[in-house]
Protein backbone atom coordinates (compact mmCIF):
# COMPACT_ATOMS: atom_id res chain seq x y z
CA UNK A 1 98.41 73.92 87.94
CA UNK A 2 95.56 74.92 85.64
CA UNK A 3 93.36 75.51 88.61
CA UNK A 4 95.89 77.78 90.26
CA UNK A 5 96.48 79.72 87.08
CA UNK A 6 92.76 80.37 86.85
CA UNK A 7 93.06 82.46 89.98
CA UNK A 8 95.58 84.78 88.40
CA UNK A 9 94.66 87.88 86.42
CA UNK A 10 97.13 88.35 83.58
CA UNK A 11 97.43 91.51 81.49
CA UNK A 12 100.61 91.50 79.46
CA UNK A 13 103.39 91.80 81.99
CA UNK A 14 101.01 92.67 84.86
CA UNK A 15 100.20 89.91 87.35
CA UNK A 16 97.38 90.11 89.91
CA UNK A 17 96.78 87.53 92.57
CA UNK A 18 94.31 89.34 94.89
CA UNK A 19 92.11 88.22 97.73
CA UNK A 20 93.05 84.50 98.09
CA UNK A 21 94.06 84.67 101.77
CA UNK A 22 97.47 83.10 101.06
CA UNK A 23 100.06 83.45 103.80
CA UNK A 24 103.00 82.99 101.47
CA UNK A 25 103.54 83.75 97.81
CA UNK A 26 102.72 80.50 95.94
CA UNK A 27 105.59 78.85 94.21
CA UNK A 28 103.72 78.57 90.92
CA UNK A 29 103.51 82.38 90.53
CA UNK A 30 107.25 82.76 90.42
CA UNK A 31 107.82 79.65 88.33
CA UNK A 32 105.26 80.70 85.77
CA UNK A 33 105.41 84.48 85.67
CA UNK A 34 108.56 85.54 87.51
CA UNK A 35 110.84 85.70 84.53
CA UNK A 36 108.72 88.34 82.68
CA UNK A 37 106.41 90.02 85.16
CA UNK A 38 106.90 93.81 85.51
CA UNK A 39 104.00 94.50 87.85
CA UNK A 40 102.76 92.24 90.66
CA UNK A 41 99.70 92.90 92.79
CA UNK A 42 99.29 90.71 95.84
CA UNK A 43 96.73 92.80 97.77
CA UNK A 44 94.11 91.49 100.16
CA UNK A 45 95.87 88.37 101.16
CA UNK A 46 97.41 87.35 104.56
CA UNK A 47 101.02 87.55 103.56
CA UNK A 48 103.53 87.71 106.39
CA UNK A 49 106.56 87.22 104.13
CA UNK A 50 107.68 88.23 100.71
CA UNK A 51 110.27 85.54 100.31
CA UNK A 52 108.71 84.28 97.08
CA UNK A 53 109.51 87.67 95.38
CA UNK A 54 113.05 86.53 94.65
CA UNK A 55 112.04 84.80 91.42
CA UNK A 56 110.54 88.07 90.06
CA UNK A 57 113.85 89.38 88.84
CA UNK A 58 112.41 91.98 86.42
CA UNK A 59 109.88 93.45 88.81
CA UNK A 60 109.26 97.19 88.48
CA UNK A 61 106.03 97.60 90.48
CA UNK A 62 104.97 95.77 93.63
CA UNK A 63 101.60 96.20 95.36
CA UNK A 64 101.02 94.37 98.58
CA UNK A 65 98.26 96.44 100.30
CA UNK A 66 96.05 94.90 102.99
CA UNK A 67 98.27 92.08 104.19
CA UNK A 68 99.93 91.24 107.47
CA UNK A 69 103.51 92.25 106.77
CA UNK A 70 105.48 93.41 109.86
CA UNK A 71 108.82 94.77 110.86
CA UNK A 72 110.64 91.57 109.80
CA UNK A 73 109.80 92.32 106.19
CA UNK A 74 112.72 91.40 103.89
CA UNK A 75 112.94 91.94 100.12
CA UNK A 76 115.45 90.53 97.79
CA UNK A 77 117.46 92.99 95.80
CA UNK A 78 115.19 94.46 93.12
CA UNK A 79 117.27 96.86 91.04
CA UNK A 80 114.40 97.79 88.70
CA UNK A 81 111.68 98.34 91.31
CA UNK A 82 110.43 101.96 91.14
CA UNK A 83 106.96 101.58 92.78
CA UNK A 84 106.17 99.95 96.10
CA UNK A 85 102.84 100.21 98.02
CA UNK A 86 102.67 98.74 101.45
CA UNK A 87 99.38 100.32 102.60
CA UNK A 88 97.43 98.80 105.48
CA UNK A 89 99.96 96.29 106.89
CA UNK A 90 101.51 95.97 110.33
CA UNK A 91 104.67 98.09 109.96
CA UNK A 92 105.68 100.08 113.01
CA UNK A 93 109.50 100.55 112.77
CA UNK A 94 109.92 103.14 110.05
CA UNK A 95 113.63 103.54 110.30
CA UNK A 96 114.47 99.81 109.84
CA UNK A 97 112.17 99.59 106.88
CA UNK A 98 113.58 102.68 105.12
CA UNK A 99 117.16 101.51 105.64
CA UNK A 100 116.31 98.12 104.14
CA UNK A 101 114.59 99.72 101.15
CA UNK A 102 117.57 102.04 100.57
CA UNK A 103 119.81 98.96 100.38
CA UNK A 104 117.67 96.66 98.13
CA UNK A 105 115.57 99.05 95.96
CA UNK A 106 117.98 101.68 94.59
CA UNK A 107 115.58 102.78 91.86
CA UNK A 108 112.55 103.33 94.13
CA UNK A 109 110.66 106.53 93.33
CA UNK A 110 107.05 105.87 94.42
CA UNK A 111 106.34 104.67 98.00
CA UNK A 112 103.13 104.44 99.96
CA UNK A 113 102.85 103.38 103.64
CA UNK A 114 99.39 104.66 104.55
CA UNK A 115 97.43 102.65 107.07
CA UNK A 116 100.51 101.48 109.01
CA UNK A 117 101.41 102.61 112.52
CA UNK A 118 104.74 103.78 111.07
CA UNK A 119 102.85 106.38 109.07
CA UNK A 120 101.14 108.95 111.32
CA UNK A 121 98.36 109.88 108.96
CA UNK A 122 95.23 111.61 110.30
CA UNK A 123 92.90 109.33 108.39
CA UNK A 124 94.04 106.25 110.26
CA UNK A 125 95.54 107.85 113.39
CA UNK A 126 93.06 110.38 114.86
CA UNK A 127 95.54 111.41 117.56
CA UNK A 128 98.05 112.61 114.96
CA UNK A 129 97.95 115.91 113.15
CA UNK A 130 99.46 117.40 109.98
CA UNK A 131 102.67 118.34 111.81
CA UNK A 132 103.23 114.72 112.80
CA UNK A 133 102.68 113.63 109.18
CA UNK A 134 104.99 116.32 107.81
CA UNK A 135 107.82 115.26 110.18
CA UNK A 136 107.31 111.71 108.97
CA UNK A 137 107.73 112.84 105.36
CA UNK A 138 110.92 114.70 106.14
CA UNK A 139 112.38 111.63 107.81
CA UNK A 140 111.39 109.33 104.92
CA UNK A 141 112.89 111.71 102.35
CA UNK A 142 116.08 111.92 104.50
CA UNK A 143 116.47 108.18 104.21
CA UNK A 144 115.22 107.91 100.60
CA UNK A 145 116.07 111.23 98.90
CA UNK A 146 115.27 109.90 95.38
CA UNK A 147 111.54 109.53 96.06
CA UNK A 148 109.27 111.54 93.76
CA UNK A 149 105.97 110.54 95.29
CA UNK A 150 105.28 109.58 98.96
CA UNK A 151 101.85 108.23 99.98
CA UNK A 152 99.22 110.49 98.28
CA UNK A 153 101.38 113.54 97.63
CA UNK A 154 104.08 114.50 95.26
CA UNK A 155 107.39 115.23 96.82
CA UNK A 156 108.31 119.02 96.55
CA UNK A 157 111.66 120.63 96.19
CA UNK A 158 111.12 122.42 99.53
CA UNK A 159 110.49 119.09 101.24
CA UNK A 160 113.71 117.66 99.85
CA UNK A 161 115.72 120.71 101.00
CA UNK A 162 114.12 120.52 104.45
CA UNK A 163 114.74 116.79 104.68
CA UNK A 164 118.44 117.34 103.89
CA UNK A 165 118.71 119.97 106.55
CA UNK A 166 116.59 118.52 109.35
CA UNK A 167 115.28 115.12 108.33
CA UNK A 168 117.63 113.20 110.53
CA UNK A 169 116.03 114.76 113.63
CA UNK A 170 112.40 114.01 112.50
CA UNK A 171 112.24 110.37 113.46
CA UNK A 172 108.82 109.38 114.78
CA UNK A 173 109.47 107.90 118.21
CA UNK A 174 107.33 104.96 119.30
CA UNK A 175 105.69 105.03 122.71
CA UNK A 176 107.12 102.63 125.29
CA UNK A 177 105.44 99.30 125.58
CA UNK A 178 103.55 98.39 128.73
CA UNK A 179 106.37 96.13 129.87
CA UNK A 180 108.95 98.86 129.50
CA UNK A 181 106.71 101.33 131.29
CA UNK A 182 106.19 98.93 134.16
CA UNK A 183 109.92 98.41 134.60
CA UNK A 184 110.55 102.16 134.43
CA UNK A 185 107.89 102.78 137.09
CA UNK A 186 109.75 100.45 139.47
CA UNK A 187 112.93 102.52 139.36
CA UNK A 188 113.04 104.94 142.30
CA UNK A 189 115.28 107.97 142.57
CA UNK A 190 116.59 108.54 146.09
CA UNK A 191 118.13 111.98 146.38
CA UNK A 192 118.25 112.06 150.19
CA UNK A 193 121.66 110.51 150.61
CA UNK A 194 124.49 113.09 150.35
CA UNK A 195 122.48 114.93 147.72
CA UNK A 196 123.33 112.27 145.13
CA UNK A 197 120.84 110.51 142.82
CA UNK A 198 120.84 106.75 143.13
CA UNK A 199 118.63 104.41 141.00
CA UNK A 200 117.16 101.65 143.12
CA UNK A 201 115.90 98.61 141.12
CA UNK A 202 113.48 97.57 143.87
CA UNK A 203 110.95 99.45 145.84
CA UNK A 204 111.70 100.06 149.58
CA UNK A 205 110.30 97.57 152.00
CA UNK A 206 108.64 98.18 155.25
CA UNK A 207 109.43 96.37 158.50
CA UNK A 208 107.09 93.54 157.56
CA UNK A 209 109.05 92.95 154.39
CA UNK A 210 106.30 93.82 151.92
CA UNK A 211 106.81 96.42 149.25
CA UNK A 212 105.36 99.88 149.85
CA UNK A 213 104.34 102.54 147.37
CA UNK A 214 107.08 105.00 146.37
CA UNK A 215 106.81 108.44 148.00
CA UNK A 216 107.90 111.68 146.45
CA UNK A 217 111.10 113.18 147.73
CA UNK A 218 110.89 114.97 151.10
CA UNK A 219 113.60 116.49 153.33
CA UNK A 220 112.00 114.83 156.42
CA UNK A 221 113.96 112.08 158.16
CA UNK A 222 113.20 108.49 156.99
CA UNK A 223 111.16 107.71 160.05
CA UNK A 224 108.71 110.56 159.19
CA UNK A 225 108.19 109.94 155.47
CA UNK A 226 105.51 107.32 155.49
CA UNK A 227 102.13 108.93 155.90
CA UNK A 228 100.69 105.76 157.31
CA UNK A 229 103.34 105.63 160.03
CA UNK A 230 104.03 109.27 160.73
CA UNK A 231 106.13 110.36 163.65
CA UNK A 232 106.49 113.83 165.04
CA UNK A 233 109.93 115.48 164.82
CA UNK A 234 111.25 117.89 167.49
CA UNK A 235 114.34 120.00 167.34
CA UNK A 236 116.01 122.97 168.99
CA UNK A 237 116.52 126.32 167.39
CA UNK A 238 119.37 128.63 168.47
CA UNK A 239 117.73 131.71 167.11
CA UNK A 240 115.16 133.48 169.35
CA UNK A 241 112.86 136.01 167.72
CA UNK A 242 111.86 138.99 169.95
CA UNK A 243 109.74 140.88 167.50
CA UNK A 244 111.93 143.89 167.25
CA UNK A 245 111.86 143.83 163.44
CA UNK A 246 108.14 143.11 163.20
CA UNK A 247 106.19 144.81 160.47
CA UNK A 248 103.78 146.03 163.16
CA UNK A 249 106.42 148.40 164.67
CA UNK A 250 106.00 150.62 161.62
CA UNK A 251 102.54 151.73 162.78
CA UNK A 252 102.67 154.34 165.59
CA UNK A 253 100.32 156.92 166.87
CA UNK A 254 100.61 160.72 166.26
CA UNK A 255 101.26 161.41 169.96
CA UNK A 256 104.28 159.16 169.80
CA UNK A 257 106.03 161.38 167.21
């Protein structure tokens, strides 16, 4: 126990257990400091769960930057927690996280999510711009309207009003995974039958039974669609054009007037 406590930095009610590569919160932290700790810093570890937080019943500030926390993050109810920093973790589902925080941290006022995929910040996501980040802020404030500070910026009254009006429509949509995209690419739309759209779960097969590449829609008969097995199409036309209305008939010589 003495050896473990030597790894802890204690300053009054502030507890720091930084850079020890722990995957779970050690039991001795809660047993020894949980009943009086107000601030807990667990940065630069390898935490995948915060289950051990349940013993810190008086916690007001929680810092868990640079860990491995993902979308399965669960916190116990912390009625006094007003500051939470989750920078540089593995959070991707912003909506699920915000709904969970709204339920278990009713006093939360300071939140930072920088360095996560869920936070489209230009510093960590070069493909994002300021508009993407501002939409993210509106959505976060829609879910957590009591926030006073988000990431590195103070929340303004204008942002709060905008979040109330449009925040619900500012959700950051995640791109489809490769698996989903592959399944979607296999769905073909066949609009050639009675003008209706039908979704076919499998690609068409040729006479040999092997799958062929999907072709874009064409009004040609089925037997003439495959460019590798093209067949000519002949048909009769009832209308015969004699050239009476040709544009060339407008041009006549002077002696014909």
